Amino acid sequence: MKLIIRQYVASLREREELDRILPDLLCELGYNVLSRPSVGTRQYGVDIAAVGKDEGEEKLFLLSVKQGDLLRQDWEGSPQALRPSLDEIRQIYLRLRVPREFQKLKVVICLCFGGDVHEAVQDNVTGYIEEHTDDRISFQQWNGDKIAGMLSNGILRDTLGSKELKASFQKAVAMVDEPEICNEHFSRLIRQLCNPTDPKAKERLSKSKGRLTAIRQLYLCLWILFVWARDAENVEGAYLACEEAILRCWGAFNSHLGKKLAASEELGEAFGELVDLSETIFEALAEDKIFPHVDKLHSISMAVHSQSPVDVNLKLFDLVGRFAIYGFWRLWRKSGTDHLPKSRDNWNDSKTQALTQNLVLLIRNNPALLSPLQDSQSIDITLALLLLSMQERWRPAAANWIDALAANVRFTYLTQSRYPTIQEAYRELLYHPRERTDEYRKEQTAGSTLLPTLAIWADCIGATETAEHFPAFIRDEMSHCNCQLWFPDEASESRLYSGDDRHGAMLNTLPIATDLPEVRSQIEQECQTSTHFDSLSAIEMGHWPILLMACRHYRVPVPPNVWIGMFWKSETDEVGS
């Protein structure tokens, strides 16, 4: 196990990686962390400052962090090298930056790096330490072996103590190039940390310290999994595992978040690190493998490496949903106190602008995204439409996409080709349509969330072609289809974040084909009279991207409560205004 952790530590980059895990590690080992790494401010050589015990005496620990092995060029020769950082610590930080209450403590300057000290520079390091060690200042070398030992014997000791959890973790790491198997094994670890069956583990989670430790342990395990996956150039398993970890942690611990208590704030910070990690994993996938190719026709479709159009279709719509989730988290941070998505002219977020541009190019250059194969792909379509609609400048692109989607749904249905089906099983999709008969076609389109989604969004966003002609198509050709939308019920809060699908209710037989104003009335009435949506913890606490992530991950239709407020004002709102 230590070898797995050792390889992970060696692969960590300095900025935003190695210096992100060390503060949590120190906290779990009983240190009082005084400062964490920051960007844009001078740190005078100190990435992390903490107070802890060394040989029974309380001391001030100052950590200077570098990536990988310590080579000659990393020791000196540039302002970012280690020796200039150590000089700044001695000459400036210790004189000007140490808080008054810690100025009398002895100081331990820690040289932290994920690898080893190369032989060519070892004498330089040893000589520097001997020259500058005195009664107050001492030095320690925290190399990859030491940090790995601190992790395996410290914060991860309880997590990987049992043979079962250790085996699950090792198998997940070993199978990073098989994402589904990797996620299956890691999922066991997530469930045992968030919802343990062992009485002692349950007792630990009943205390604030135990809950904080559980999230930190999960965070570190995910980092290890991600780094191994990144080295294997396949981060799919890590992405799925991180999504599930966020959702299960929220389901297990949300009642302890959002309170004006130190323990609650620490728990919130640890949970935020999980969300940050999910963005890091997405960026590792998108920035290298996807964004550079979205402007080329069929490029991403060809990258699926499958001769089956089903594989291409499923992968591309899944990717669209992931684009949206990443964008939601970025816009959520800019949204202030908004409890639901809002539309703005300018969010002042260049990354979201670039992401949305790439999403539009992805749709434009991969025609599979104009022709959904599963009715449940209404989930990914809704997520992408919501992201586009939250940014005023991209609403015309959303309207154009709706027109293309509706036209292809109509065409594939009338020609009895690959029209959207209610089937979810992969084998069924491979052979769809098995028959080219009216009876079979009606059976495969008996119910739909996709049709009302396209019709209502077209009406809201101004996709005039679809708004004018799509309802008539439903009336003339698909009168047998039960047009429906999903809403949460009283069981949704306890089951939504864990993947239990025994919750929620459908608003059925919406008259999309004949009376869109009546559809609006029914939806508004359901939104106003039902309290179950507003009582979802993700909505109540203003963390709406978690609800949307749960919909994407567990394949739950997106409730219209999330997006309908951007387009329709209820009568009570109008009276109030």
Protein backbone atom coordinates (compact mmCIF):
# COMPACT_ATOMS: atom_id res chain seq x y z
CA MET A 1 0.00 0.00 0.00
CA LYS A 2 2.81 2.42 0.82
CA LEU A 3 4.22 1.91 -2.68
CA ILE A 4 0.89 3.02 -4.19
CA ILE A 5 0.88 6.13 -2.00
CA ARG A 6 4.60 6.76 -2.66
CA GLN A 7 4.04 6.75 -6.42
CA TYR A 8 1.09 9.10 -5.95
CA VAL A 9 3.14 11.59 -3.93
CA ALA A 10 5.95 11.51 -6.50
CA SER A 11 3.50 12.31 -9.31
CA LEU A 12 1.95 15.32 -7.60
CA ARG A 13 2.63 18.74 -9.01
CA GLU A 14 3.72 21.47 -6.65
CA ARG A 15 1.03 24.09 -7.21
CA GLU A 16 -2.58 23.09 -6.45
CA GLU A 17 -1.63 19.45 -5.78
CA LEU A 18 1.12 18.59 -3.27
CA ASP A 19 0.56 21.85 -1.44
CA ARG A 20 -3.20 21.11 -1.28
CA ILE A 21 -2.94 17.75 0.51
CA LEU A 22 -0.29 18.72 3.07
CA PRO A 23 -2.50 21.08 5.15
CA ASP A 24 -5.17 18.38 5.57
CA LEU A 25 -2.49 15.85 6.45
CA LEU A 26 -1.07 18.16 9.10
CA CYS A 27 -4.51 18.86 10.57
CA GLU A 28 -5.22 15.16 10.94
CA LEU A 29 -1.85 14.65 12.63
CA GLY A 30 -2.74 17.25 15.25
CA TYR A 31 -0.96 20.31 13.86
CA ASN A 32 -2.55 23.75 13.99
CA VAL A 33 -2.30 25.02 10.41
CA LEU A 34 -1.70 28.78 10.42
CA SER A 35 -1.47 29.49 6.70
CA ARG A 36 -2.15 27.64 3.46
CA PRO A 37 -0.75 28.16 -0.04
CA SER A 38 -2.08 31.22 -1.83
CA VAL A 39 -1.75 32.71 -5.29
CA GLY A 40 -0.99 36.36 -5.97
CA THR A 41 0.67 37.21 -2.63
CA ARG A 42 4.32 36.97 -1.59
CA GLN A 43 4.91 34.06 0.71
CA TYR A 44 8.62 34.61 1.40
CA GLY A 45 9.42 30.95 0.89
CA VAL A 46 6.70 29.56 3.17
CA ASP A 47 3.95 27.58 1.45
CA ILE A 48 2.44 26.25 4.68
CA ALA A 49 2.91 27.30 8.30
CA ALA A 50 1.77 25.16 11.23
CA VAL A 51 2.33 24.67 14.93
CA GLY A 52 2.84 21.15 16.23
CA LYS A 53 4.91 19.01 18.55
CA ASP A 54 8.37 17.71 17.76
CA GLU A 55 9.94 15.39 20.34
CA GLY A 56 7.38 16.55 22.87
CA GLU A 57 8.06 20.27 22.38
CA GLU A 58 5.72 22.67 20.57
CA LYS A 59 7.43 24.21 17.55
CA LEU A 60 6.65 26.35 14.51
CA PHE A 61 6.86 24.35 11.27
CA LEU A 62 7.49 26.25 8.04
CA LEU A 63 7.09 24.16 4.88
CA SER A 64 8.61 25.04 1.51
CA VAL A 65 7.09 22.74 -1.11
CA LYS A 66 8.60 21.59 -4.42
CA GLN A 67 7.42 19.05 -6.99
CA GLY A 68 8.97 15.63 -7.63
CA ASP A 69 12.69 14.94 -7.20
CA LEU A 70 15.04 17.67 -5.99
CA LEU A 71 17.54 18.24 -8.83
CA ARG A 72 20.40 20.72 -9.07
CA GLN A 73 18.30 23.20 -11.04
CA ASP A 74 15.58 22.92 -8.38
CA TRP A 75 18.06 23.75 -5.62
CA GLU A 76 19.35 27.07 -6.97
CA GLY A 77 19.53 29.03 -10.17
CA SER A 78 16.06 30.60 -10.32
CA PRO A 79 13.79 32.63 -8.00
CA GLN A 80 11.52 29.57 -7.68
CA ALA A 81 14.35 27.26 -6.60
CA LEU A 82 14.50 25.87 -3.07
CA ARG A 83 17.61 27.60 -1.73
CA PRO A 84 16.33 31.15 -2.42
CA SER A 85 13.08 30.16 -0.70
CA LEU A 86 14.97 28.96 2.37
CA ASP A 87 16.97 32.20 2.43
CA GLU A 88 13.75 34.24 2.32
CA ILE A 89 12.33 32.22 5.21
CA ARG A 90 15.37 32.96 7.40
CA GLN A 91 15.97 36.56 6.36
CA ILE A 92 12.42 37.90 5.93
CA TYR A 93 9.64 35.56 7.06
CA LEU A 94 11.05 34.87 10.53
CA ARG A 95 11.66 38.57 11.14
CA LEU A 96 8.40 40.01 9.77
CA ARG A 97 5.67 37.40 9.27
CA VAL A 98 5.54 35.17 12.35
CA PRO A 99 2.48 35.94 14.52
CA ARG A 100 3.36 37.47 17.88
CA GLU A 101 2.08 34.51 19.93
CA PHE A 102 4.44 32.11 18.13
CA GLN A 103 7.59 34.24 17.97
CA LYS A 104 9.23 32.52 20.95
CA LEU A 105 8.77 29.01 19.56
CA LYS A 106 11.63 27.07 18.06
CA VAL A 107 11.40 26.82 14.28
CA VAL A 108 11.54 23.73 12.05
CA ILE A 109 12.04 24.55 8.37
CA CYS A 110 10.78 21.62 6.29
CA LEU A 111 12.08 20.94 2.79
CA CYS A 112 9.09 19.18 1.18
CA PHE A 113 9.27 17.41 -2.15
CA GLY A 114 7.39 14.47 -3.59
CA GLY A 115 10.44 12.52 -4.74
CA ASP A 116 14.04 12.20 -3.51
CA VAL A 117 17.13 14.38 -3.26
CA HIS A 118 19.40 13.54 -6.18
CA GLU A 119 22.98 12.63 -5.33
CA ALA A 120 24.36 15.60 -7.26
CA VAL A 121 22.67 18.05 -4.90
CA GLN A 122 22.63 16.09 -1.62
CA ASP A 123 25.92 17.60 -0.38
CA ASN A 124 24.64 21.11 -1.13
CA VAL A 125 21.49 20.48 0.90
CA THR A 126 23.39 18.88 3.79
CA GLY A 127 25.93 21.72 3.85
CA TYR A 128 23.19 24.36 3.87
CA ILE A 129 21.37 22.67 6.74
CA GLU A 130 24.56 22.32 8.84
CA GLU A 131 25.53 25.94 8.21
CA HIS A 132 22.18 27.45 9.23
CA THR A 133 21.10 25.16 12.08
CA ASP A 134 21.29 26.85 15.48
CA ASP A 135 19.58 26.76 18.87
CA ARG A 136 16.35 28.17 17.44
CA ILE A 137 16.26 26.94 13.82
CA SER A 138 16.44 23.33 12.68
CA PHE A 139 15.68 21.64 9.36
CA GLN A 140 13.85 18.49 8.26
CA GLN A 141 13.68 16.83 4.86
CA TRP A 142 10.18 15.61 4.03
CA ASN A 143 10.72 13.53 0.91
CA GLY A 144 8.24 11.27 -0.86
CA ASP A 145 8.88 8.33 1.48
CA LYS A 146 8.27 10.40 4.60
CA ILE A 147 5.10 12.00 3.25
CA ALA A 148 3.80 8.61 2.07
CA GLY A 149 4.48 7.20 5.53
CA MET A 150 2.68 10.12 7.17
CA LEU A 151 -0.32 9.46 4.92
CA SER A 152 -0.48 5.68 5.31
CA ASN A 153 0.19 5.72 9.06
CA GLY A 154 -1.82 8.86 9.73
CA ILE A 155 -4.93 10.10 7.97
CA LEU A 156 -5.39 6.95 5.85
CA ARG A 157 -4.67 4.46 8.62
CA ASP A 158 -8.32 4.02 9.61
CA THR A 159 -9.57 4.16 6.01
CA LEU A 160 -7.29 1.45 4.73
CA GLY A 161 -6.99 -0.44 7.98
CA SER A 162 -9.55 -3.10 7.16
CA LYS A 163 -8.61 -5.74 4.62
CA GLU A 164 -11.88 -5.21 2.74
CA LEU A 165 -11.42 -1.46 2.23
CA LYS A 166 -7.73 -1.84 1.45
CA ALA A 167 -8.55 -4.46 -1.18
CA SER A 168 -11.25 -2.24 -2.73
CA PHE A 169 -8.86 0.70 -2.92
CA GLN A 170 -6.00 -1.34 -4.36
CA LYS A 171 -8.28 -2.88 -6.99
CA ALA A 172 -9.63 0.55 -7.96
CA VAL A 173 -6.11 1.89 -8.44
CA ALA A 174 -5.04 -1.21 -10.35
CA MET A 175 -8.02 -0.94 -12.71
CA VAL A 176 -7.87 2.77 -13.59
CA ASP A 177 -7.72 1.84 -17.27
CA GLU A 178 -11.06 0.00 -16.89
CA PRO A 179 -13.28 2.85 -15.62
CA GLU A 180 -16.43 0.88 -14.81
CA ILE A 181 -14.54 -1.74 -12.80
CA CYS A 182 -12.43 0.95 -11.12
CA ASN A 183 -15.54 2.88 -10.10
CA GLU A 184 -17.25 -0.28 -8.85
CA HIS A 185 -14.41 -0.98 -6.41
CA PHE A 186 -13.98 2.63 -5.32
CA SER A 187 -17.72 2.94 -4.77
CA ARG A 188 -17.44 0.38 -1.96
CA LEU A 189 -14.89 2.60 -0.26
CA ILE A 190 -17.15 5.65 -0.62
CA ARG A 191 -20.14 3.86 0.87
CA GLN A 192 -18.17 2.59 3.85
CA LEU A 193 -16.78 6.05 4.61
CA CYS A 194 -20.08 7.92 4.18
CA ASN A 195 -22.63 5.30 5.22
CA PRO A 196 -20.76 2.67 7.24
CA THR A 197 -22.38 -0.48 8.59
CA ASP A 198 -19.76 -1.02 11.28
CA PRO A 199 -20.99 0.26 14.71
CA LYS A 200 -17.61 1.80 15.59
CA ALA A 201 -17.47 3.65 12.27
CA LYS A 202 -21.03 4.91 12.79
CA GLU A 203 -20.02 6.17 16.22
CA ARG A 204 -17.09 8.08 14.72
CA LEU A 205 -19.36 9.78 12.19
CA SER A 206 -21.66 10.95 14.97
CA LYS A 207 -18.91 13.37 16.02
CA SER A 208 -17.76 16.42 14.09
CA LYS A 209 -14.11 15.29 14.11
CA GLY A 210 -15.09 11.91 12.64
CA ARG A 211 -17.12 13.51 9.83
CA LEU A 212 -14.28 15.86 8.93
CA THR A 213 -11.78 13.01 8.93
CA ALA A 214 -14.04 10.90 6.69
CA ILE A 215 -14.24 13.61 4.01
CA ARG A 216 -10.50 14.26 4.20
CA GLN A 217 -9.76 10.55 3.90
CA LEU A 218 -12.04 10.27 0.90
CA TYR A 219 -10.46 13.35 -0.66
CA LEU A 220 -6.97 11.91 -0.35
CA CYS A 221 -8.04 8.51 -1.68
CA LEU A 222 -9.61 10.26 -4.68
CA TRP A 223 -6.43 12.25 -5.27
CA ILE A 224 -4.40 9.05 -5.26
CA LEU A 225 -6.84 7.43 -7.68
CA PHE A 226 -6.81 10.48 -9.95
CA VAL A 227 -3.02 10.76 -10.09
CA TRP A 228 -2.67 7.09 -11.01
CA ALA A 229 -5.44 7.52 -13.59
CA ARG A 230 -3.77 10.61 -15.01
CA ASP A 231 -0.50 8.72 -15.39
CA ALA A 232 -2.44 5.96 -17.19
CA GLU A 233 -4.07 8.65 -19.41
CA ASN A 234 -7.58 7.52 -18.51
CA VAL A 235 -9.30 9.64 -15.85
CA GLU A 236 -12.83 8.34 -16.53
CA GLY A 237 -12.94 6.12 -13.43
CA ALA A 238 -11.66 8.93 -11.22
CA TYR A 239 -14.28 11.32 -12.62
CA LEU A 240 -17.18 8.96 -11.89
CA ALA A 241 -15.80 8.15 -8.44
CA CYS A 242 -15.45 11.84 -7.57
CA GLU A 243 -19.04 12.59 -8.62
CA GLU A 244 -20.35 9.77 -6.46
CA ALA A 245 -18.18 10.90 -3.54
CA ILE A 246 -19.58 14.44 -3.73
CA LEU A 247 -23.16 13.21 -3.85
CA ARG A 248 -22.83 10.65 -1.06
CA CYS A 249 -20.92 13.07 1.18
CA TRP A 250 -23.64 15.65 0.64
CA GLY A 251 -26.36 13.12 1.43
CA ALA A 252 -24.58 11.97 4.58
CA PHE A 253 -23.29 15.27 5.98
CA ASN A 254 -25.37 18.18 4.59
CA SER A 255 -27.27 18.59 7.87
CA HIS A 256 -23.97 19.58 9.50
CA LEU A 257 -23.06 22.19 6.86
CA GLY A 258 -23.95 25.86 6.70
CA LYS A 259 -23.87 26.51 10.44
CA LYS A 260 -21.92 29.29 12.11
CA LEU A 261 -19.69 26.86 13.96
CA ALA A 262 -15.99 26.19 13.47
CA ALA A 263 -16.63 22.47 12.90
CA SER A 264 -19.27 23.23 10.28
CA GLU A 265 -16.98 25.66 8.47
CA GLU A 266 -14.14 23.12 8.43
CA LEU A 267 -16.51 20.49 7.07
CA GLY A 268 -17.66 22.93 4.38
CA GLU A 269 -14.06 23.66 3.36
CA ALA A 270 -13.30 19.94 3.10
CA PHE A 271 -16.42 19.38 1.00
CA GLY A 272 -15.42 22.31 -1.22
CA GLU A 273 -12.09 20.59 -1.85
CA LEU A 274 -13.99 17.58 -3.21
CA VAL A 275 -15.83 19.85 -5.65
CA ASP A 276 -12.55 21.51 -6.65
CA LEU A 277 -11.06 18.08 -7.32
CA SER A 278 -13.97 17.15 -9.60
CA GLU A 279 -13.21 20.27 -11.66
CA THR A 280 -9.51 19.39 -11.76
CA ILE A 281 -10.35 15.92 -13.07
CA PHE A 282 -12.68 17.32 -15.73
CA GLU A 283 -10.00 19.79 -16.82
CA ALA A 284 -7.46 16.96 -17.08
CA LEU A 285 -9.80 15.24 -19.52
CA ALA A 286 -11.16 18.22 -21.43
CA GLU A 287 -8.20 20.55 -21.83
CA ASP A 288 -5.89 17.93 -23.33
CA LYS A 289 -8.22 15.51 -25.10
CA ILE A 290 -11.37 17.44 -26.07
CA PHE A 291 -11.08 21.23 -26.27
CA PRO A 292 -8.27 21.23 -28.89
CA HIS A 293 -10.42 19.16 -31.27
CA VAL A 294 -13.99 20.47 -30.94
CA ASP A 295 -13.58 22.78 -33.93
CA LYS A 296 -12.90 19.87 -36.30
CA LEU A 297 -15.80 18.06 -37.97
CA HIS A 298 -16.41 14.56 -36.54
CA SER A 299 -13.12 14.72 -34.61
CA ILE A 300 -14.53 13.89 -31.16
CA SER A 301 -16.89 11.31 -32.67
CA MET A 302 -13.94 9.52 -34.23
CA ALA A 303 -12.07 9.65 -30.92
CA VAL A 304 -14.68 7.34 -29.37
CA HIS A 305 -12.95 4.56 -31.34
CA SER A 306 -16.06 2.55 -32.07
CA GLN A 307 -17.71 1.51 -35.29
CA SER A 308 -21.09 1.50 -33.56
CA PRO A 309 -23.10 4.74 -33.85
CA VAL A 310 -24.68 3.82 -30.51
CA ASP A 311 -21.34 4.13 -28.69
CA VAL A 312 -20.66 7.48 -30.32
CA ASN A 313 -24.13 8.79 -29.50
CA LEU A 314 -24.04 7.72 -25.84
CA LYS A 315 -20.54 9.05 -25.24
CA LEU A 316 -21.20 12.43 -26.85
CA PHE A 317 -24.41 13.14 -24.95
CA ASP A 318 -22.70 12.04 -21.73
CA LEU A 319 -19.92 14.51 -22.50
CA VAL A 320 -22.43 17.32 -23.04
CA GLY A 321 -23.79 16.71 -19.53
CA ARG A 322 -20.29 16.87 -18.07
CA PHE A 323 -19.59 20.16 -19.83
CA ALA A 324 -22.72 21.55 -18.21
CA ILE A 325 -21.91 20.37 -14.67
CA TYR A 326 -18.46 21.94 -14.84
CA GLY A 327 -19.98 25.20 -16.05
CA PHE A 328 -22.63 25.18 -13.31
CA TRP A 329 -20.04 25.02 -10.54
CA ARG A 330 -18.15 27.96 -12.02
CA LEU A 331 -21.30 30.07 -12.44
CA TRP A 332 -22.55 29.04 -9.00
CA ARG A 333 -19.46 30.61 -7.42
CA LYS A 334 -20.32 33.86 -9.20
CA SER A 335 -24.02 33.76 -8.35
CA GLY A 336 -23.85 35.09 -4.80
CA THR A 337 -26.96 34.25 -2.79
CA ASP A 338 -29.05 32.92 -5.71
CA HIS A 339 -30.78 29.67 -4.72
CA LEU A 340 -31.53 28.76 -8.35
CA PRO A 341 -29.85 29.36 -11.73
CA LYS A 342 -30.25 32.87 -13.12
CA SER A 343 -29.53 34.39 -16.50
CA ARG A 344 -27.04 37.25 -16.88
CA ASP A 345 -25.51 39.26 -19.70
CA ASN A 346 -21.97 38.78 -18.41
CA TRP A 347 -20.72 36.45 -15.68
CA ASN A 348 -17.14 37.76 -15.94
CA ASP A 349 -15.73 34.24 -16.04
CA SER A 350 -13.40 33.56 -18.93
CA LYS A 351 -13.23 29.82 -18.26
CA THR A 352 -17.00 29.46 -18.50
CA GLN A 353 -17.03 31.49 -21.70
CA ALA A 354 -14.38 29.23 -23.21
CA LEU A 355 -16.22 26.13 -22.01
CA THR A 356 -19.50 27.28 -23.54
CA GLN A 357 -17.81 28.17 -26.81
CA ASN A 358 -16.34 24.67 -26.88
CA LEU A 359 -19.73 23.15 -26.07
CA VAL A 360 -21.32 24.93 -29.04
CA LEU A 361 -18.47 23.82 -31.31
CA LEU A 362 -18.81 20.26 -30.03
CA ILE A 363 -22.51 20.24 -30.96
CA ARG A 364 -21.93 21.93 -34.31
CA ASN A 365 -19.15 19.56 -35.42
CA ASN A 366 -20.60 16.26 -34.19
CA PRO A 367 -23.97 15.57 -35.86
CA ALA A 368 -24.70 12.70 -33.46
CA LEU A 369 -25.56 15.43 -30.93
CA LEU A 370 -28.45 16.50 -33.13
CA SER A 371 -30.16 13.11 -32.95
CA PRO A 372 -30.81 11.65 -29.46
CA LEU A 373 -31.13 7.88 -29.26
CA GLN A 374 -32.52 7.55 -25.73
CA ASP A 375 -35.45 9.43 -24.29
CA SER A 376 -33.42 9.81 -21.09
CA GLN A 377 -30.91 11.95 -22.97
CA SER A 378 -33.39 14.71 -22.20
CA ILE A 379 -31.33 14.97 -18.98
CA ASP A 380 -28.10 15.93 -20.75
CA ILE A 381 -29.98 18.13 -23.22
CA THR A 382 -31.70 20.02 -20.40
CA LEU A 383 -28.41 20.53 -18.56
CA ALA A 384 -26.71 21.92 -21.67
CA LEU A 385 -29.68 24.15 -22.55
CA LEU A 386 -29.65 25.49 -19.00
CA LEU A 387 -25.95 26.34 -19.19
CA LEU A 388 -26.43 28.09 -22.53
CA SER A 389 -29.50 29.97 -21.31
CA MET A 390 -27.79 31.25 -18.17
CA GLN A 391 -25.58 33.29 -20.51
CA GLU A 392 -27.62 35.68 -22.63
CA ARG A 393 -25.23 35.69 -25.58
CA TRP A 394 -25.57 31.92 -26.03
CA ARG A 395 -29.38 31.74 -26.10
CA PRO A 396 -29.53 31.87 -29.93
CA ALA A 397 -27.21 28.84 -30.01
CA ALA A 398 -29.58 27.04 -27.64
CA ALA A 399 -32.55 27.87 -29.88
CA ASN A 400 -30.74 26.60 -32.98
CA TRP A 401 -29.87 23.36 -31.21
CA ILE A 402 -33.49 22.83 -30.16
CA ASP A 403 -34.65 23.31 -33.75
CA ALA A 404 -32.12 20.74 -34.99
CA LEU A 405 -33.00 18.24 -32.24
CA ALA A 406 -36.73 18.52 -32.89
CA ALA A 407 -36.27 18.19 -36.65
CA ASN A 408 -34.21 15.02 -36.23
CA VAL A 409 -36.63 13.50 -33.72
CA ARG A 410 -39.41 14.06 -36.24
CA PHE A 411 -37.38 12.70 -39.17
CA THR A 412 -36.13 9.55 -37.42
CA TYR A 413 -39.61 8.77 -36.12
CA LEU A 414 -41.31 9.18 -39.48
CA THR A 415 -38.65 7.09 -41.26
CA GLN A 416 -38.59 4.48 -38.49
CA SER A 417 -34.82 4.78 -38.13
CA ARG A 418 -32.95 5.46 -34.87
CA TYR A 419 -35.66 7.50 -33.13
CA PRO A 420 -35.43 8.09 -29.34
CA THR A 421 -36.52 5.03 -27.38
CA ILE A 422 -37.49 4.42 -23.77
CA GLN A 423 -34.99 1.54 -23.64
CA GLU A 424 -31.98 1.92 -21.34
CA ALA A 425 -30.20 -1.43 -21.80
CA TYR A 426 -27.16 -1.19 -24.06
CA ARG A 427 -28.00 -4.41 -25.90
CA GLU A 428 -31.48 -3.11 -26.73
CA LEU A 429 -30.02 0.12 -28.07
CA LEU A 430 -27.63 -1.77 -30.34
CA TYR A 431 -30.53 -3.42 -32.16
CA HIS A 432 -32.98 -0.53 -32.05
CA PRO A 433 -35.28 -0.49 -33.91
CA ARG A 434 -35.74 -4.26 -33.87
CA GLU A 435 -38.90 -3.94 -35.96
CA ARG A 436 -40.19 -1.36 -38.40
CA THR A 437 -43.85 -1.57 -37.48
CA ASP A 438 -46.25 0.95 -36.01
CA GLU A 439 -46.91 -1.31 -33.02
CA TYR A 440 -43.23 -1.58 -32.13
CA ARG A 441 -42.69 2.14 -32.65
CA LYS A 442 -45.59 3.01 -30.34
CA GLU A 443 -44.25 0.61 -27.72
CA GLN A 444 -40.80 2.24 -27.83
CA THR A 445 -42.26 5.75 -27.48
CA ALA A 446 -45.01 5.02 -24.96
CA GLY A 447 -43.79 7.77 -22.66
CA SER A 448 -41.40 10.67 -23.03
CA THR A 449 -39.67 13.42 -21.11
CA LEU A 450 -37.75 14.42 -24.24
CA LEU A 451 -40.76 15.60 -26.27
CA PRO A 452 -42.14 18.00 -23.63
CA THR A 453 -38.61 19.17 -22.85
CA LEU A 454 -38.02 20.22 -26.46
CA ALA A 455 -41.48 21.74 -26.88
CA ILE A 456 -41.41 23.76 -23.65
CA TRP A 457 -37.82 24.95 -24.09
CA ALA A 458 -38.61 25.97 -27.68
CA ASP A 459 -41.52 28.06 -26.44
CA CYS A 460 -39.43 29.62 -23.66
CA ILE A 461 -36.26 30.39 -25.53
CA GLY A 462 -37.67 31.46 -28.87
CA ALA A 463 -36.92 28.48 -31.10
CA THR A 464 -39.75 29.53 -33.40
CA GLU A 465 -39.45 26.68 -35.91
CA THR A 466 -39.93 24.06 -33.20
CA ALA A 467 -42.49 26.06 -31.25
CA GLU A 468 -44.68 26.36 -34.36
CA HIS A 469 -44.42 22.86 -35.86
CA PHE A 470 -43.34 20.39 -33.15
CA PRO A 471 -46.66 20.32 -31.23
CA ALA A 472 -48.48 19.52 -34.48
CA PHE A 473 -46.11 16.60 -35.09
CA ILE A 474 -46.84 15.25 -31.62
CA ARG A 475 -50.58 15.66 -32.21
CA ASP A 476 -50.61 13.99 -35.62
CA GLU A 477 -48.01 11.24 -35.16
CA MET A 478 -47.45 10.66 -31.45
CA SER A 479 -50.82 11.04 -29.77
CA HIS A 480 -50.17 7.67 -28.07
CA CYS A 481 -47.16 9.07 -26.19
CA ASN A 482 -47.51 10.08 -22.54
CA CYS A 483 -45.66 13.40 -22.35
CA GLN A 484 -44.42 13.79 -18.79
CA LEU A 485 -42.09 15.72 -16.52
CA TRP A 486 -40.43 14.60 -13.27
CA PHE A 487 -40.80 16.28 -9.87
CA PRO A 488 -39.27 15.31 -6.51
CA ASP A 489 -41.49 13.93 -3.74
CA GLU A 490 -41.16 13.44 0.02
CA ALA A 491 -38.69 10.56 -0.42
CA SER A 492 -36.34 12.39 -2.78
CA GLU A 493 -34.19 14.09 -0.15
CA SER A 494 -33.21 10.82 1.51
CA ARG A 495 -32.64 8.90 -1.73
CA LEU A 496 -31.58 11.30 -4.47
CA TYR A 497 -27.91 11.59 -3.47
CA SER A 498 -27.33 7.85 -3.03
CA GLY A 499 -28.74 6.61 -6.33
CA ASP A 500 -31.86 4.96 -4.90
CA ASP A 501 -34.43 5.51 -7.66
CA ARG A 502 -37.51 4.81 -5.51
CA HIS A 503 -38.60 8.43 -5.29
CA GLY A 504 -40.11 11.23 -7.34
CA ALA A 505 -43.38 11.61 -9.22
CA MET A 506 -44.35 12.25 -12.83
CA LEU A 507 -46.69 14.96 -14.06
CA ASN A 508 -48.39 12.90 -16.76
CA THR A 509 -50.37 13.42 -19.97
CA LEU A 510 -49.23 16.98 -20.56
CA PRO A 511 -51.21 18.40 -23.52
CA ILE A 512 -48.08 19.47 -25.42
CA ALA A 513 -49.74 18.88 -28.78
CA THR A 514 -52.82 21.00 -28.23
CA ASP A 515 -52.46 23.50 -25.42
CA LEU A 516 -49.04 24.85 -24.38
CA PRO A 517 -50.62 27.54 -22.16
CA GLU A 518 -52.35 24.74 -20.23
CA VAL A 519 -49.01 22.95 -19.90
CA ARG A 520 -47.53 26.10 -18.46
CA SER A 521 -50.43 26.37 -16.03
CA GLN A 522 -50.01 22.77 -14.87
CA ILE A 523 -46.27 23.13 -14.38
CA GLU A 524 -46.63 26.41 -12.50
CA GLN A 525 -49.30 24.92 -10.27
CA GLU A 526 -47.12 21.91 -9.48
CA CYS A 527 -44.13 24.13 -8.73
CA GLN A 528 -46.18 26.37 -6.44
CA THR A 529 -48.16 23.74 -4.55
CA SER A 530 -45.46 21.13 -3.99
CA THR A 531 -42.95 21.87 -1.23
CA HIS A 532 -40.74 18.87 -1.90
CA PHE A 533 -38.43 20.67 -4.34
CA ASP A 534 -37.82 23.62 -2.04
CA SER A 535 -37.14 21.27 0.87
CA LEU A 536 -34.33 19.46 -0.96
CA SER A 537 -31.17 20.28 0.98
CA ALA A 538 -29.27 21.20 -2.20
CA ILE A 539 -31.93 23.83 -2.98
CA GLU A 540 -32.59 24.93 0.59
CA MET A 541 -28.88 25.61 1.11
CA GLY A 542 -28.37 27.19 -2.32
CA HIS A 543 -26.13 24.41 -3.71
CA TRP A 544 -28.24 23.74 -6.81
CA PRO A 545 -25.35 22.26 -8.88
CA ILE A 546 -25.45 19.25 -6.53
CA LEU A 547 -29.04 18.52 -7.57
CA LEU A 548 -28.07 18.77 -11.24
CA MET A 549 -25.02 16.57 -10.67
CA ALA A 550 -27.27 13.96 -9.02
CA CYS A 551 -29.63 14.10 -12.01
CA ARG A 552 -26.74 13.53 -14.42
CA HIS A 553 -24.94 10.87 -12.40
CA TYR A 554 -27.96 8.80 -11.41
CA ARG A 555 -29.98 9.51 -14.59
CA VAL A 556 -32.89 11.32 -12.96
CA PRO A 557 -34.87 13.79 -15.14
CA VAL A 558 -34.13 17.42 -14.31
CA PRO A 559 -37.17 18.89 -12.50
CA PRO A 560 -38.53 21.98 -14.29
CA ASN A 561 -38.45 23.87 -10.96
CA VAL A 562 -34.74 24.41 -11.60
CA TRP A 563 -35.02 26.29 -14.87
CA ILE A 564 -38.58 27.44 -15.38
CA GLY A 565 -38.09 30.56 -13.24
CA MET A 566 -35.67 31.98 -15.80
CA PHE A 567 -38.51 32.25 -18.31
CA TRP A 568 -41.85 32.36 -16.50
CA LYS A 569 -42.93 34.63 -13.71
CA SER A 570 -45.65 33.23 -11.53
CA GLU A 571 -48.74 35.28 -10.83
CA THR A 572 -47.60 35.81 -7.25
CA ASP A 573 -44.28 37.19 -8.50
CA GLU A 574 -46.09 39.57 -10.84
CA VAL A 575 -48.39 40.79 -8.06
CA GLY A 576 -45.40 41.23 -5.76
CA SER A 577 -43.59 43.29 -8.35
